[in-house]
Amino acid sequence: MKKTAIYATFAAALFFTACGGETEAVEETTAVTTEEAAAATTEGEAYQIVQDQSNVKWHGTKVAGEHRGEIELQGGELRVADNQLVGGNIVIDMTTITNTDITAAEDNANLVGHLKSDDFFGVEAHPTATFELVNASPIQNAAAGQPNYNVEGNLTIKGKTEPVSFPATVNIQNGTVNAKADVKVDRSKYDVRYGSETLLGELGDKAISDEFTVTFDVTAKQ
């Protein structure tokens, strides 16, 4: 029971933490309108996401430790016009959250089960999360291997939609798009309450960061 309590304390952190990369994210913008989002996700040519060539990872920390894991993509597409990324959507299967650093099977299962519960993502009622890409602006003179787009879109978790923005590294060639990005999000905006001082008040050493980072490495093909 002691181990379970410790992992429960860390549970929110495994999906909610600040981006660890060196590249600074662009400032958040206001949510786009339904009409703008629809235009962005239908413009250009659709490249379908290849699930077995794409992955999503999470990394969470707090003062006393950290956890890591993965989530599977359910599907989606990226849209390209004039050899530039212009829109798209990604569907994340929240029921597939895993932990990759806890080796004890029971402790691992307890942590993952807590994440799937209503304390966190409530996956029974909200089995998917979605990201709708509504604007992708090329970064002029970006160095090779560094982010070359600023991306804006709407992220939906637990039925709540908020705008997010971040730098991404995008490569388009030979009928394939590869997009990589670290996305930093404030979980308190999605009513993910466990361990959140923003939502629950002062929690002392039990407090967990309201920010989470999700690392996308997505491949899409014509």
C-alpha atoms as a PDB file:
ATOM      1  CA  MET A   1       0.000   0.000   0.000  1.00  0.00           C
ATOM      2  CA  LYS A   2       2.909   2.357   0.735  1.00  0.00           C
ATOM      3  CA  LYS A   3       4.324   1.955  -2.767  1.00  0.00           C
ATOM      4  CA  THR A   4       0.886   2.452  -4.280  1.00  0.00           C
ATOM      5  CA  ALA A   5       0.447   5.713  -2.377  1.00  0.00           C
ATOM      6  CA  ILE A   6       3.831   6.958  -3.531  1.00  0.00           C
ATOM      7  CA  TYR A   7       3.069   6.188  -7.167  1.00  0.00           C
ATOM      8  CA  ALA A   8      -0.354   7.778  -6.837  1.00  0.00           C
ATOM      9  CA  THR A   9       1.352  10.945  -5.621  1.00  0.00           C
ATOM     10  CA  PHE A  10       3.460  10.932  -8.754  1.00  0.00           C
ATOM     11  CA  ALA A  11       0.636   9.853 -11.048  1.00  0.00           C
ATOM     12  CA  ALA A  12      -0.264  13.262 -12.411  1.00  0.00           C
ATOM     13  CA  ALA A  13       3.370  14.068 -13.041  1.00  0.00           C
ATOM     14  CA  LEU A  14       3.866  11.230 -15.470  1.00  0.00           C
ATOM     15  CA  PHE A  15       1.779  13.059 -18.033  1.00  0.00           C
ATOM     16  CA  PHE A  16       2.072  16.602 -16.766  1.00  0.00           C
ATOM     17  CA  THR A  17       5.434  18.363 -16.731  1.00  0.00           C
ATOM     18  CA  ALA A  18       7.255  21.230 -18.414  1.00  0.00           C
ATOM     19  CA  CYS A  19       9.005  20.672 -21.714  1.00  0.00           C
ATOM     20  CA  GLY A  20      12.576  19.573 -21.145  1.00  0.00           C
ATOM     21  CA  GLY A  21      13.938  20.689 -24.532  1.00  0.00           C
ATOM     22  CA  GLU A  22      16.036  23.745 -25.150  1.00  0.00           C
ATOM     23  CA  THR A  23      13.718  25.288 -27.747  1.00  0.00           C
ATOM     24  CA  GLU A  24      11.261  27.779 -26.341  1.00  0.00           C
ATOM     25  CA  ALA A  25       7.615  27.286 -27.241  1.00  0.00           C
ATOM     26  CA  VAL A  26       5.817  30.098 -28.990  1.00  0.00           C
ATOM     27  CA  GLU A  27       3.234  32.002 -26.957  1.00  0.00           C
ATOM     28  CA  GLU A  28      -0.259  30.576 -26.669  1.00  0.00           C
ATOM     29  CA  THR A  29      -2.933  32.132 -28.835  1.00  0.00           C
ATOM     30  CA  THR A  30      -6.679  32.328 -28.487  1.00  0.00           C
ATOM     31  CA  ALA A  31      -8.736  29.435 -29.790  1.00  0.00           C
ATOM     32  CA  VAL A  32      -9.616  29.667 -33.454  1.00  0.00           C
ATOM     33  CA  THR A  33     -13.190  29.660 -34.637  1.00  0.00           C
ATOM     34  CA  THR A  34     -14.949  26.570 -35.913  1.00  0.00           C
ATOM     35  CA  GLU A  35     -14.810  28.002 -39.440  1.00  0.00           C
ATOM     36  CA  GLU A  36     -11.037  28.595 -39.247  1.00  0.00           C
ATOM     37  CA  ALA A  37     -10.415  25.111 -37.897  1.00  0.00           C
ATOM     38  CA  ALA A  38     -12.554  23.523 -40.603  1.00  0.00           C
ATOM     39  CA  ALA A  39     -10.688  25.427 -43.311  1.00  0.00           C
ATOM     40  CA  ALA A  40      -7.280  24.413 -41.930  1.00  0.00           C
ATOM     41  CA  THR A  41      -8.169  20.736 -41.701  1.00  0.00           C
ATOM     42  CA  THR A  42      -9.582  20.522 -45.252  1.00  0.00           C
ATOM     43  CA  GLU A  43      -7.019  22.651 -47.114  1.00  0.00           C
ATOM     44  CA  GLY A  44      -4.295  20.913 -49.092  1.00  0.00           C
ATOM     45  CA  GLU A  45      -3.712  17.215 -49.681  1.00  0.00           C
ATOM     46  CA  ALA A  46      -4.254  14.675 -46.909  1.00  0.00           C
ATOM     47  CA  TYR A  47      -1.389  12.479 -45.705  1.00  0.00           C
ATOM     48  CA  GLN A  48      -2.678   9.670 -43.478  1.00  0.00           C
ATOM     49  CA  ILE A  49      -0.876   9.039 -40.194  1.00  0.00           C
ATOM     50  CA  VAL A  50       0.968   5.707 -40.163  1.00  0.00           C
ATOM     51  CA  GLN A  51       0.353   4.307 -36.682  1.00  0.00           C
ATOM     52  CA  ASP A  52       3.225   1.826 -36.568  1.00  0.00           C
ATOM     53  CA  GLN A  53       5.687   4.523 -37.655  1.00  0.00           C
ATOM     54  CA  SER A  54       4.447   7.133 -35.171  1.00  0.00           C
ATOM     55  CA  ASN A  55       4.748   7.388 -31.410  1.00  0.00           C
ATOM     56  CA  VAL A  56       3.773   9.596 -28.493  1.00  0.00           C
ATOM     57  CA  LYS A  57       5.772   9.687 -25.259  1.00  0.00           C
ATOM     58  CA  TRP A  58       5.201  11.351 -21.921  1.00  0.00           C
ATOM     59  CA  HIS A  59       7.610  12.368 -19.188  1.00  0.00           C
ATOM     60  CA  GLY A  60       6.553  13.629 -15.783  1.00  0.00           C
ATOM     61  CA  THR A  61       8.532  14.910 -12.816  1.00  0.00           C
ATOM     62  CA  LYS A  62       8.221  16.327  -9.323  1.00  0.00           C
ATOM     63  CA  VAL A  63      10.769  17.008  -6.591  1.00  0.00           C
ATOM     64  CA  ALA A  64      10.963  13.391  -5.442  1.00  0.00           C
ATOM     65  CA  GLY A  65      11.142  11.607  -8.782  1.00  0.00           C
ATOM     66  CA  GLU A  66       9.902  11.091 -12.326  1.00  0.00           C
ATOM     67  CA  HIS A  67       8.044   8.662 -14.577  1.00  0.00           C
ATOM     68  CA  ARG A  68       7.956   7.966 -18.301  1.00  0.00           C
ATOM     69  CA  GLY A  69       5.659   6.177 -20.682  1.00  0.00           C
ATOM     70  CA  GLU A  70       3.923   6.037 -24.025  1.00  0.00           C
ATOM     71  CA  ILE A  71       0.504   6.465 -25.642  1.00  0.00           C
ATOM     72  CA  GLU A  72      -0.674   5.121 -28.991  1.00  0.00           C
ATOM     73  CA  LEU A  73      -2.190   7.144 -31.795  1.00  0.00           C
ATOM     74  CA  GLN A  74      -5.588   6.059 -33.034  1.00  0.00           C
ATOM     75  CA  GLY A  75      -5.268   7.865 -36.350  1.00  0.00           C
ATOM     76  CA  GLY A  76      -5.527  11.211 -38.096  1.00  0.00           C
ATOM     77  CA  GLU A  77      -3.953  13.088 -40.977  1.00  0.00           C
ATOM     78  CA  LEU A  78      -1.600  15.921 -41.836  1.00  0.00           C
ATOM     79  CA  ARG A  79      -2.395  18.227 -44.729  1.00  0.00           C
ATOM     80  CA  VAL A  80       0.134  19.625 -47.175  1.00  0.00           C
ATOM     81  CA  ALA A  81      -0.166  22.377 -49.806  1.00  0.00           C
ATOM     82  CA  ASP A  82       2.720  23.594 -51.983  1.00  0.00           C
ATOM     83  CA  ASN A  83       5.058  21.306 -50.034  1.00  0.00           C
ATOM     84  CA  GLN A  84       4.220  23.045 -46.752  1.00  0.00           C
ATOM     85  CA  LEU A  85       2.305  21.799 -43.707  1.00  0.00           C
ATOM     86  CA  VAL A  86      -1.016  23.635 -43.517  1.00  0.00           C
ATOM     87  CA  GLY A  87      -3.321  21.651 -41.216  1.00  0.00           C
ATOM     88  CA  GLY A  88      -4.459  18.312 -39.921  1.00  0.00           C
ATOM     89  CA  ASN A  89      -5.725  16.410 -36.929  1.00  0.00           C
ATOM     90  CA  ILE A  90      -4.366  13.748 -34.581  1.00  0.00           C
ATOM     91  CA  VAL A  91      -6.424  11.327 -32.485  1.00  0.00           C
ATOM     92  CA  ILE A  92      -4.739   9.971 -29.338  1.00  0.00           C
ATOM     93  CA  ASP A  93      -5.983   6.728 -27.770  1.00  0.00           C
ATOM     94  CA  MET A  94      -6.029   7.578 -24.062  1.00  0.00           C
ATOM     95  CA  THR A  95      -6.880   3.999 -23.126  1.00  0.00           C
ATOM     96  CA  THR A  96      -3.371   2.911 -24.185  1.00  0.00           C
ATOM     97  CA  ILE A  97      -1.395   4.953 -21.622  1.00  0.00           C
ATOM     98  CA  THR A  98       1.559   2.924 -20.365  1.00  0.00           C
ATOM     99  CA  ASN A  99       4.430   3.380 -17.946  1.00  0.00           C
ATOM    100  CA  THR A 100       7.926   2.310 -18.974  1.00  0.00           C
ATOM    101  CA  ASP A 101      10.043   2.930 -15.867  1.00  0.00           C
ATOM    102  CA  ILE A 102       8.301   0.915 -13.114  1.00  0.00           C
ATOM    103  CA  THR A 103       9.469  -2.690 -13.335  1.00  0.00           C
ATOM    104  CA  ALA A 104       7.215  -4.211 -10.640  1.00  0.00           C
ATOM    105  CA  ALA A 105       4.092  -5.404 -12.460  1.00  0.00           C
ATOM    106  CA  GLU A 106       1.650  -4.618  -9.627  1.00  0.00           C
ATOM    107  CA  ASP A 107       3.019  -1.120  -9.016  1.00  0.00           C
ATOM    108  CA  ASN A 108       3.013  -0.413 -12.744  1.00  0.00           C
ATOM    109  CA  ALA A 109      -0.602  -1.537 -13.053  1.00  0.00           C
ATOM    110  CA  ASN A 110      -1.638   0.592 -10.057  1.00  0.00           C
ATOM    111  CA  LEU A 111      -0.124   3.700 -11.580  1.00  0.00           C
ATOM    112  CA  VAL A 112      -1.612   3.130 -15.027  1.00  0.00           C
ATOM    113  CA  GLY A 113      -4.995   2.290 -13.525  1.00  0.00           C
ATOM    114  CA  HIS A 114      -4.965   5.509 -11.524  1.00  0.00           C
ATOM    115  CA  LEU A 115      -4.174   7.495 -14.654  1.00  0.00           C
ATOM    116  CA  LYS A 116      -7.138   5.964 -16.431  1.00  0.00           C
ATOM    117  CA  SER A 117      -9.468   6.751 -13.533  1.00  0.00           C
ATOM    118  CA  ASP A 118     -11.612   9.842 -13.093  1.00  0.00           C
ATOM    119  CA  ASP A 119      -8.858  11.350 -10.894  1.00  0.00           C
ATOM    120  CA  PHE A 120      -7.004  11.938 -14.142  1.00  0.00           C
ATOM    121  CA  PHE A 121      -8.201  11.238 -17.685  1.00  0.00           C
ATOM    122  CA  GLY A 122     -11.434   9.327 -17.085  1.00  0.00           C
ATOM    123  CA  VAL A 123     -10.786   7.175 -20.124  1.00  0.00           C
ATOM    124  CA  GLU A 124     -14.034   5.238 -19.841  1.00  0.00           C
ATOM    125  CA  ALA A 125     -15.979   8.419 -20.597  1.00  0.00           C
ATOM    126  CA  HIS A 126     -13.213  10.087 -22.635  1.00  0.00           C
ATOM    127  CA  PRO A 127     -11.293   7.358 -24.498  1.00  0.00           C
ATOM    128  CA  THR A 128      -9.600   9.746 -26.915  1.00  0.00           C
ATOM    129  CA  ALA A 129      -7.895  13.130 -26.910  1.00  0.00           C
ATOM    130  CA  THR A 130      -7.549  15.142 -30.106  1.00  0.00           C
ATOM    131  CA  PHE A 131      -5.272  17.793 -31.526  1.00  0.00           C
ATOM    132  CA  GLU A 132      -6.562  19.918 -34.401  1.00  0.00           C
ATOM    133  CA  LEU A 133      -3.792  21.742 -36.256  1.00  0.00           C
ATOM    134  CA  VAL A 134      -5.153  25.033 -37.537  1.00  0.00           C
ATOM    135  CA  ASN A 135      -2.059  27.047 -38.444  1.00  0.00           C
ATOM    136  CA  ALA A 136       1.537  26.132 -39.304  1.00  0.00           C
ATOM    137  CA  SER A 137       3.909  29.014 -39.988  1.00  0.00           C
ATOM    138  CA  PRO A 138       7.361  28.235 -41.441  1.00  0.00           C
ATOM    139  CA  ILE A 139      10.312  29.615 -39.460  1.00  0.00           C
ATOM    140  CA  GLN A 140      12.583  31.391 -41.872  1.00  0.00           C
ATOM    141  CA  ASN A 141      16.233  30.332 -41.979  1.00  0.00           C
ATOM    142  CA  ALA A 142      15.748  27.567 -39.412  1.00  0.00           C
ATOM    143  CA  ALA A 143      18.937  25.577 -38.803  1.00  0.00           C
ATOM    144  CA  ALA A 144      19.021  21.980 -39.991  1.00  0.00           C
ATOM    145  CA  GLY A 145      17.474  19.649 -37.430  1.00  0.00           C
ATOM    146  CA  GLN A 146      15.932  22.501 -35.459  1.00  0.00           C
ATOM    147  CA  PRO A 147      12.226  23.462 -35.339  1.00  0.00           C
ATOM    148  CA  ASN A 148      11.195  24.952 -38.668  1.00  0.00           C
ATOM    149  CA  TYR A 149       7.503  25.598 -38.000  1.00  0.00           C
ATOM    150  CA  ASN A 150       5.453  27.395 -35.367  1.00  0.00           C
ATOM    151  CA  VAL A 151       2.256  25.382 -34.916  1.00  0.00           C
ATOM    152  CA  GLU A 152      -1.077  26.495 -33.461  1.00  0.00           C
ATOM    153  CA  GLY A 153      -4.097  24.370 -32.776  1.00  0.00           C
ATOM    154  CA  ASN A 154      -6.817  23.199 -30.434  1.00  0.00           C
ATOM    155  CA  LEU A 155      -6.185  20.388 -27.955  1.00  0.00           C
ATOM    156  CA  THR A 156      -9.150  18.497 -26.481  1.00  0.00           C
ATOM    157  CA  ILE A 157      -8.776  16.426 -23.298  1.00  0.00           C
ATOM    158  CA  LYS A 158     -11.695  15.123 -21.208  1.00  0.00           C
ATOM    159  CA  GLY A 159     -14.089  16.953 -23.505  1.00  0.00           C
ATOM    160  CA  LYS A 160     -12.480  20.354 -22.873  1.00  0.00           C
ATOM    161  CA  THR A 161     -10.818  22.255 -25.733  1.00  0.00           C
ATOM    162  CA  GLU A 162      -8.034  24.810 -25.294  1.00  0.00           C
ATOM    163  CA  PRO A 163      -5.592  26.484 -27.698  1.00  0.00           C
ATOM    164  CA  VAL A 164      -1.946  25.393 -27.691  1.00  0.00           C
ATOM    165  CA  SER A 165       1.071  26.519 -29.681  1.00  0.00           C
ATOM    166  CA  PHE A 166       4.568  25.112 -30.020  1.00  0.00           C
ATOM    167  CA  PRO A 167       7.591  24.828 -32.332  1.00  0.00           C
ATOM    168  CA  ALA A 168       7.848  21.711 -34.499  1.00  0.00           C
ATOM    169  CA  THR A 169      10.379  20.100 -36.787  1.00  0.00           C
ATOM    170  CA  VAL A 170       8.695  19.059 -40.038  1.00  0.00           C
ATOM    171  CA  ASN A 171      10.184  17.224 -43.006  1.00  0.00           C
ATOM    172  CA  ILE A 172       8.188  16.731 -46.216  1.00  0.00           C
ATOM    173  CA  GLN A 173       9.609  14.661 -49.046  1.00  0.00           C
ATOM    174  CA  ASN A 174       8.844  11.721 -51.322  1.00  0.00           C
ATOM    175  CA  GLY A 175       5.192  11.542 -50.307  1.00  0.00           C
ATOM    176  CA  THR A 176       5.959  11.396 -46.582  1.00  0.00           C
ATOM    177  CA  VAL A 177       5.608  13.910 -43.750  1.00  0.00           C
ATOM    178  CA  ASN A 178       7.493  13.533 -40.491  1.00  0.00           C
ATOM    179  CA  ALA A 179       6.626  15.941 -37.689  1.00  0.00           C
ATOM    180  CA  LYS A 180       8.267  16.086 -34.262  1.00  0.00           C
ATOM    181  CA  ALA A 181       7.370  18.353 -31.358  1.00  0.00           C
ATOM    182  CA  ASP A 182       7.296  18.728 -27.588  1.00  0.00           C
ATOM    183  CA  VAL A 183       3.910  20.109 -26.545  1.00  0.00           C
ATOM    184  CA  LYS A 184       3.519  21.769 -23.147  1.00  0.00           C
ATOM    185  CA  VAL A 185       0.003  22.055 -21.731  1.00  0.00           C
ATOM    186  CA  ASP A 186      -1.577  23.336 -18.516  1.00  0.00           C
ATOM    187  CA  ARG A 187      -3.620  20.387 -17.204  1.00  0.00           C
ATOM    188  CA  SER A 188      -5.676  22.559 -14.854  1.00  0.00           C
ATOM    189  CA  LYS A 189      -7.465  23.915 -17.925  1.00  0.00           C
ATOM    190  CA  TYR A 190      -8.744  20.388 -18.651  1.00  0.00           C
ATOM    191  CA  ASP A 191     -10.016  19.698 -15.128  1.00  0.00           C
ATOM    192  CA  VAL A 192      -7.336  17.068 -14.459  1.00  0.00           C
ATOM    193  CA  ARG A 193      -7.394  17.764 -10.745  1.00  0.00           C
ATOM    194  CA  TYR A 194      -5.248  15.269  -8.862  1.00  0.00           C
ATOM    195  CA  GLY A 195      -2.348  16.991  -7.103  1.00  0.00           C
ATOM    196  CA  SER A 196      -3.067  20.369  -8.720  1.00  0.00           C
ATOM    197  CA  GLU A 197      -2.564  23.362  -6.450  1.00  0.00           C
ATOM    198  CA  THR A 198      -4.286  25.550  -9.027  1.00  0.00           C
ATOM    199  CA  LEU A 199      -7.484  23.528  -8.606  1.00  0.00           C
ATOM    200  CA  LEU A 200      -7.149  22.180  -5.051  1.00  0.00           C
ATOM    201  CA  GLY A 201      -5.119  24.784  -3.164  1.00  0.00           C
ATOM    202  CA  GLU A 202      -1.900  24.385  -1.164  1.00  0.00           C
ATOM    203  CA  LEU A 203      -0.732  20.741  -1.138  1.00  0.00           C
ATOM    204  CA  GLY A 204       2.821  21.041   0.142  1.00  0.00           C
ATOM    205  CA  ASP A 205       5.137  18.234  -0.966  1.00  0.00           C
ATOM    206  CA  LYS A 206       2.177  16.405  -2.533  1.00  0.00           C
ATOM    207  CA  ALA A 207       1.729  19.083  -5.191  1.00  0.00           C
ATOM    208  CA  ILE A 208       2.399  18.076  -8.789  1.00  0.00           C
ATOM    209  CA  SER A 209       3.131  20.401 -11.705  1.00  0.00           C
ATOM    210  CA  ASP A 210       0.143  21.652 -13.648  1.00  0.00           C
ATOM    211  CA  GLU A 211       2.173  21.440 -16.857  1.00  0.00           C
ATOM    212  CA  PHE A 212       2.650  18.287 -18.882  1.00  0.00           C
ATOM    213  CA  THR A 213       4.795  17.553 -21.898  1.00  0.00           C
ATOM    214  CA  VAL A 214       3.829  15.194 -24.689  1.00  0.00           C
ATOM    215  CA  THR A 215       6.478  14.368 -27.284  1.00  0.00           C
ATOM    216  CA  PHE A 216       5.123  13.607 -30.745  1.00  0.00           C
ATOM    217  CA  ASP A 217       7.015  11.818 -33.515  1.00  0.00           C
ATOM    218  CA  VAL A 218       4.440  11.443 -36.286  1.00  0.00           C
ATOM    219  CA  THR A 219       4.798   9.992 -39.772  1.00  0.00           C
ATOM    220  CA  ALA A 220       2.089  10.449 -42.395  1.00  0.00           C
ATOM    221  CA  LYS A 221       1.962   9.265 -46.008  1.00  0.00           C
ATOM    222  CA  GLN A 222      -0.081   9.912 -49.114  1.00  0.00           C
END
